[in-house]
N, C-alpha and C. Protein backbone atom coordinates (compact mmCIF):
# COMPACT_ATOMS: atom_id res chain seq x y z
N MET A 1 6.50 174.55 88.88
CA MET A 1 6.42 175.48 89.85
C MET A 1 4.70 176.21 89.84
N PHE A 2 4.37 176.45 88.28
CA PHE A 2 3.27 176.80 88.22
C PHE A 2 1.93 175.62 88.66
N ASP A 3 2.02 174.02 88.61
CA ASP A 3 1.36 173.34 88.24
C ASP A 3 0.02 173.28 89.57
N VAL A 4 -1.08 172.66 89.26
CA VAL A 4 -2.39 172.98 90.20
C VAL A 4 -2.13 171.36 90.87
N THR A 5 -2.22 170.91 91.83
CA THR A 5 -2.21 170.11 92.82
C THR A 5 -3.73 169.64 92.84
N LEU A 6 -4.32 168.07 92.20
CA LEU A 6 -5.64 167.76 93.03
C LEU A 6 -5.75 167.13 94.12
N LEU A 7 -7.00 167.72 94.57
CA LEU A 7 -7.26 167.34 95.40
C LEU A 7 -8.68 166.34 96.20
N SER A 8 -10.00 166.28 94.97
CA SER A 8 -10.37 165.25 95.03
C SER A 8 -10.63 165.04 93.69
N ASP A 9 -11.19 163.32 93.38
CA ASP A 9 -11.50 163.03 92.10
C ASP A 9 -12.58 161.97 91.64
N ALA A 10 -13.84 162.01 91.94
CA ALA A 10 -15.28 161.06 92.12
C ALA A 10 -16.26 161.06 90.86
N THR A 11 -16.21 159.91 90.54
CA THR A 11 -16.91 159.46 89.10
C THR A 11 -18.36 158.92 89.62
N GLU A 12 -18.99 159.53 89.21
CA GLU A 12 -20.81 159.18 89.56
C GLU A 12 -21.57 159.35 88.60
N GLY A 13 -23.02 158.61 88.56
CA GLY A 13 -23.43 158.55 87.31
C GLY A 13 -22.56 159.06 85.90
N GLY A 14 -21.80 158.89 85.00
CA GLY A 14 -21.12 159.41 84.51
C GLY A 14 -20.74 161.19 84.51
N ILE A 15 -20.64 161.69 85.78
CA ILE A 15 -20.12 162.78 85.74
C ILE A 15 -18.85 162.74 86.76
N ARG A 16 -17.64 162.85 86.01
CA ARG A 16 -16.39 163.31 87.01
C ARG A 16 -16.43 164.72 87.41
N ARG A 17 -16.50 164.82 88.66
CA ARG A 17 -16.17 165.80 89.80
C ARG A 17 -14.51 165.82 90.55
N THR A 18 -13.98 167.28 89.76
CA THR A 18 -12.32 167.29 90.15
C THR A 18 -12.71 168.48 90.73
N SER A 19 -11.79 168.41 92.03
CA SER A 19 -10.91 169.78 92.65
C SER A 19 -9.26 169.68 92.64
N PHE A 20 -9.47 170.90 92.47
CA PHE A 20 -7.62 171.40 92.26
C PHE A 20 -7.36 172.36 93.11
N ARG A 21 -6.25 172.83 93.80
CA ARG A 21 -5.62 173.76 94.47
C ARG A 21 -5.29 174.14 93.03
N THR A 22 -5.07 175.58 92.92
CA THR A 22 -4.26 176.00 92.12
C THR A 22 -3.03 176.63 93.10
N CYS A 23 -2.04 177.41 92.32
CA CYS A 23 -0.85 178.05 92.69
C CYS A 23 -0.42 179.17 93.36
N ALA A 24 0.19 179.16 94.10
CA ALA A 24 0.47 180.25 94.90
C ALA A 24 0.05 182.07 94.11
N ALA A 25 0.59 181.89 93.15
CA ALA A 25 0.70 182.69 91.63
C ALA A 25 -0.14 183.23 91.28
N VAL A 26 -1.62 183.22 91.49
CA VAL A 26 -2.83 183.66 90.90
C VAL A 26 -3.69 183.30 92.28
N CYS A 27 -5.09 184.41 92.10
CA CYS A 27 -6.20 185.04 93.02
C CYS A 27 -6.68 184.22 93.85
N SER A 28 -7.19 182.94 92.41
CA SER A 28 -8.20 181.98 92.81
C SER A 28 -7.13 181.04 94.02
N GLU A 29 -8.15 180.10 94.35
CA GLU A 29 -7.54 178.77 95.10
C GLU A 29 -7.82 177.71 94.99
N GLN A 30 -8.94 177.44 94.50
CA GLN A 30 -9.25 176.34 94.22
C GLN A 30 -10.38 176.12 92.82
N ILE A 31 -10.29 175.16 91.66
CA ILE A 31 -10.96 175.28 90.69
C ILE A 31 -11.88 173.31 91.01
N ASP A 32 -13.23 173.83 90.70
CA ASP A 32 -14.05 172.66 91.00
C ASP A 32 -14.38 172.33 89.63
N ILE A 33 -14.17 171.36 89.06
CA ILE A 33 -14.96 171.05 87.37
C ILE A 33 -15.39 169.58 87.36
N GLU A 34 -16.79 169.82 86.67
CA GLU A 34 -17.50 168.78 86.18
C GLU A 34 -17.06 168.48 84.98
N THR A 35 -16.94 167.57 84.76
CA THR A 35 -16.92 166.95 82.70
C THR A 35 -18.08 165.61 83.10
N GLU A 36 -18.44 165.72 82.07
CA GLU A 36 -19.46 164.26 81.38
C GLU A 36 -18.54 164.01 79.78
N GLY A 37 -17.85 162.80 80.15
CA GLY A 37 -16.71 162.14 79.20
C GLY A 37 -16.00 163.33 78.60
N ASP A 38 -15.68 163.92 77.54
CA ASP A 38 -14.81 165.27 77.08
C ASP A 38 -15.72 166.41 77.17
N VAL A 39 -16.21 166.43 77.61
CA VAL A 39 -17.28 167.51 78.05
C VAL A 39 -17.38 168.38 79.09
N ILE A 40 -16.99 169.31 78.95
CA ILE A 40 -16.64 170.33 80.53
C ILE A 40 -18.57 170.98 80.27
N ARG A 41 -18.70 170.00 81.68
CA ARG A 41 -20.55 171.00 82.42
C ARG A 41 -20.10 171.90 83.38
N SER A 42 -19.02 171.91 84.41
CA SER A 42 -19.05 173.28 84.88
C SER A 42 -17.61 173.26 85.56
N VAL A 43 -17.67 175.11 85.39
CA VAL A 43 -16.39 175.43 85.92
C VAL A 43 -16.33 176.54 87.17
N LYS A 44 -15.67 176.09 88.11
CA LYS A 44 -16.02 176.87 89.76
C LYS A 44 -14.84 176.80 90.67
N TYR A 45 -14.71 178.78 90.35
CA TYR A 45 -12.83 179.35 91.35
C TYR A 45 -13.66 179.32 92.48
N THR A 46 -12.70 179.24 93.47
CA THR A 46 -12.59 179.77 94.89
C THR A 46 -12.20 180.70 95.22
N LYS A 47 -12.41 182.05 95.45
CA LYS A 47 -11.64 182.92 95.51
C LYS A 47 -11.51 183.88 93.83
N GLY A 48 -10.65 184.61 93.59
CA GLY A 48 -10.31 185.13 92.23
C GLY A 48 -11.16 186.33 91.92
N CYS A 49 -10.96 186.92 90.70
CA CYS A 49 -12.03 188.04 90.05
C CYS A 49 -13.10 187.23 90.18
N GLN A 50 -14.07 187.85 91.05
CA GLN A 50 -15.51 187.28 90.16
C GLN A 50 -15.94 187.38 89.13
N GLY A 51 -16.16 188.08 88.64
CA GLY A 51 -16.38 188.53 87.04
C GLY A 51 -15.72 187.62 86.15
N ASN A 52 -14.42 187.62 86.03
CA ASN A 52 -13.33 187.25 85.11
C ASN A 52 -13.78 185.37 85.73
N THR A 53 -13.60 184.61 86.69
CA THR A 53 -13.72 183.15 87.01
C THR A 53 -14.86 182.77 86.13
N LEU A 54 -16.68 183.61 86.64
CA LEU A 54 -17.85 183.24 86.32
C LEU A 54 -17.65 183.36 84.92
N GLY A 55 -16.76 184.59 84.01
CA GLY A 55 -17.10 184.45 82.60
C GLY A 55 -16.65 183.36 82.42
N ILE A 56 -15.27 182.95 82.94
CA ILE A 56 -14.03 181.63 82.00
C ILE A 56 -15.16 180.27 82.45
N GLY A 57 -15.82 180.48 83.24
CA GLY A 57 -16.47 179.30 83.69
C GLY A 57 -17.84 179.17 82.87
N ALA A 58 -18.47 180.30 82.49
CA ALA A 58 -19.77 180.21 81.68
C ALA A 58 -19.15 179.69 80.33
N LEU A 59 -17.95 180.54 79.67
CA LEU A 59 -17.50 180.64 78.20
C LEU A 59 -16.82 178.63 77.83
N CYS A 60 -16.79 178.15 79.37
CA CYS A 60 -16.61 176.88 79.38
C CYS A 60 -17.06 175.71 79.06
N LYS A 61 -18.10 176.23 79.39
CA LYS A 61 -19.78 175.15 80.06
C LYS A 61 -20.15 174.67 78.53
N GLY A 62 -19.94 173.04 78.19
CA GLY A 62 -20.79 172.46 77.06
C GLY A 62 -19.23 172.73 76.14
N MET A 63 -17.63 173.03 76.16
CA MET A 63 -16.72 172.95 75.58
C MET A 63 -15.69 171.58 75.80
N ARG A 64 -15.46 171.12 74.59
CA ARG A 64 -14.44 169.87 74.79
C ARG A 64 -13.04 170.17 75.19
N VAL A 65 -13.00 169.52 76.49
CA VAL A 65 -11.60 169.50 77.39
C VAL A 65 -11.19 170.01 76.53
N SER A 66 -10.23 169.09 75.16
CA SER A 66 -9.45 169.41 74.53
C SER A 66 -8.84 170.79 74.11
N ASP A 67 -10.54 171.65 74.04
CA ASP A 67 -10.88 173.05 72.79
C ASP A 67 -10.31 174.30 74.08
N ALA A 68 -10.88 173.73 75.29
CA ALA A 68 -10.61 174.99 76.34
C ALA A 68 -9.26 174.70 76.67
N VAL A 69 -8.32 173.32 76.80
CA VAL A 69 -6.88 173.88 77.19
C VAL A 69 -6.29 174.18 75.71
N ALA A 70 -6.48 174.56 74.86
CA ALA A 70 -6.01 174.56 73.14
C ALA A 70 -6.42 176.45 73.57
N ARG A 71 -7.01 176.87 74.04
CA ARG A 71 -7.37 178.66 74.15
C ARG A 71 -7.08 179.12 75.55
N LEU A 72 -6.94 178.13 76.59
CA LEU A 72 -6.32 178.73 77.92
C LEU A 72 -5.55 178.68 78.21
N GLU A 73 -4.13 178.00 77.86
CA GLU A 73 -3.18 177.61 78.26
C GLU A 73 -2.26 178.55 78.21
N GLY A 74 -1.12 178.91 78.57
CA GLY A 74 -0.24 180.05 78.44
C GLY A 74 -0.94 181.23 78.75
N ILE A 75 -1.98 181.52 79.02
CA ILE A 75 -2.45 183.11 79.58
C ILE A 75 -1.71 183.39 80.85
N ASP A 76 -1.52 184.80 80.42
CA ASP A 76 -0.68 184.60 81.25
C ASP A 76 -1.17 186.16 82.29
N CYS A 77 -0.84 186.51 83.65
CA CYS A 77 -1.68 187.62 84.00
C CYS A 77 -0.61 188.65 85.01
N LYS A 78 -0.23 189.38 84.55
CA LYS A 78 0.60 190.55 84.82
C LYS A 78 2.22 190.35 85.36
N GLY A 79 2.48 189.32 84.42
CA GLY A 79 4.18 189.06 84.18
C GLY A 79 4.21 187.66 84.92
N ARG A 80 2.72 187.31 86.02
CA ARG A 80 3.50 186.02 86.81
C ARG A 80 3.30 184.73 86.18
N GLY A 81 3.65 184.38 84.97
CA GLY A 81 4.03 183.18 84.64
C GLY A 81 2.68 182.62 84.50
N THR A 82 1.40 182.58 84.94
CA THR A 82 0.15 181.80 84.77
C THR A 82 -1.15 183.09 84.82
N SER A 83 -2.04 182.57 85.55
CA SER A 83 -3.19 182.95 85.00
C SER A 83 -4.24 181.48 85.81
N CYS A 84 -5.61 182.85 86.11
CA CYS A 84 -6.24 181.76 86.34
C CYS A 84 -7.14 180.95 85.10
N PRO A 85 -7.24 181.47 84.04
CA PRO A 85 -7.06 180.75 83.21
C PRO A 85 -6.00 179.48 82.92
N ASP A 86 -5.01 179.79 82.22
CA ASP A 86 -3.72 179.33 82.59
C ASP A 86 -3.95 178.04 83.81
N GLN A 87 -3.78 178.63 84.61
CA GLN A 87 -4.82 177.11 85.65
C GLN A 87 -5.74 176.02 85.18
N LEU A 88 -6.73 176.47 85.05
CA LEU A 88 -7.85 175.46 84.42
C LEU A 88 -6.96 174.60 83.90
N ALA A 89 -6.07 175.31 82.48
CA ALA A 89 -6.05 173.86 81.54
C ALA A 89 -4.97 173.55 81.94
N ARG A 90 -4.09 173.97 83.23
CA ARG A 90 -3.26 173.03 83.91
C ARG A 90 -3.98 171.84 84.38
N ALA A 91 -5.41 172.29 84.88
CA ALA A 91 -6.41 171.30 85.59
C ALA A 91 -6.46 169.79 84.81
N LEU A 92 -7.35 170.51 83.22
CA LEU A 92 -8.07 170.09 82.36
C LEU A 92 -6.45 169.00 82.45
N LYS A 93 -5.39 169.19 81.95
CA LYS A 93 -5.35 168.19 81.52
C LYS A 93 -4.10 167.11 81.66
N GLN A 94 -4.75 166.82 83.41
CA GLN A 94 -4.56 166.14 84.05
C GLN A 94 -5.65 165.52 84.33
N LEU A 95 -7.04 165.84 83.29
CA LEU A 95 -7.82 164.79 83.72
C LEU A 95 -8.07 163.42 82.76
């Protein structure tokens, strides 16, 4: 119901770039993630609350994927059952 959808997944030079479509319950529409091994290099959201999504990306940069999932999974936005951070956790779990 709140799952993200993989749009693209490519690896070049050890950098994995993935894009996910978020569910309709959140303000953001897409999340683009770059990882190197188990470390998040960047997170960029399309749409959503700009300050919050930029903050999420800045906080996750350099973090291990498993640590980000543990911190973000289950965060709810206004009783929607998910949120932009939770959508990121769901995407990271698919990596």
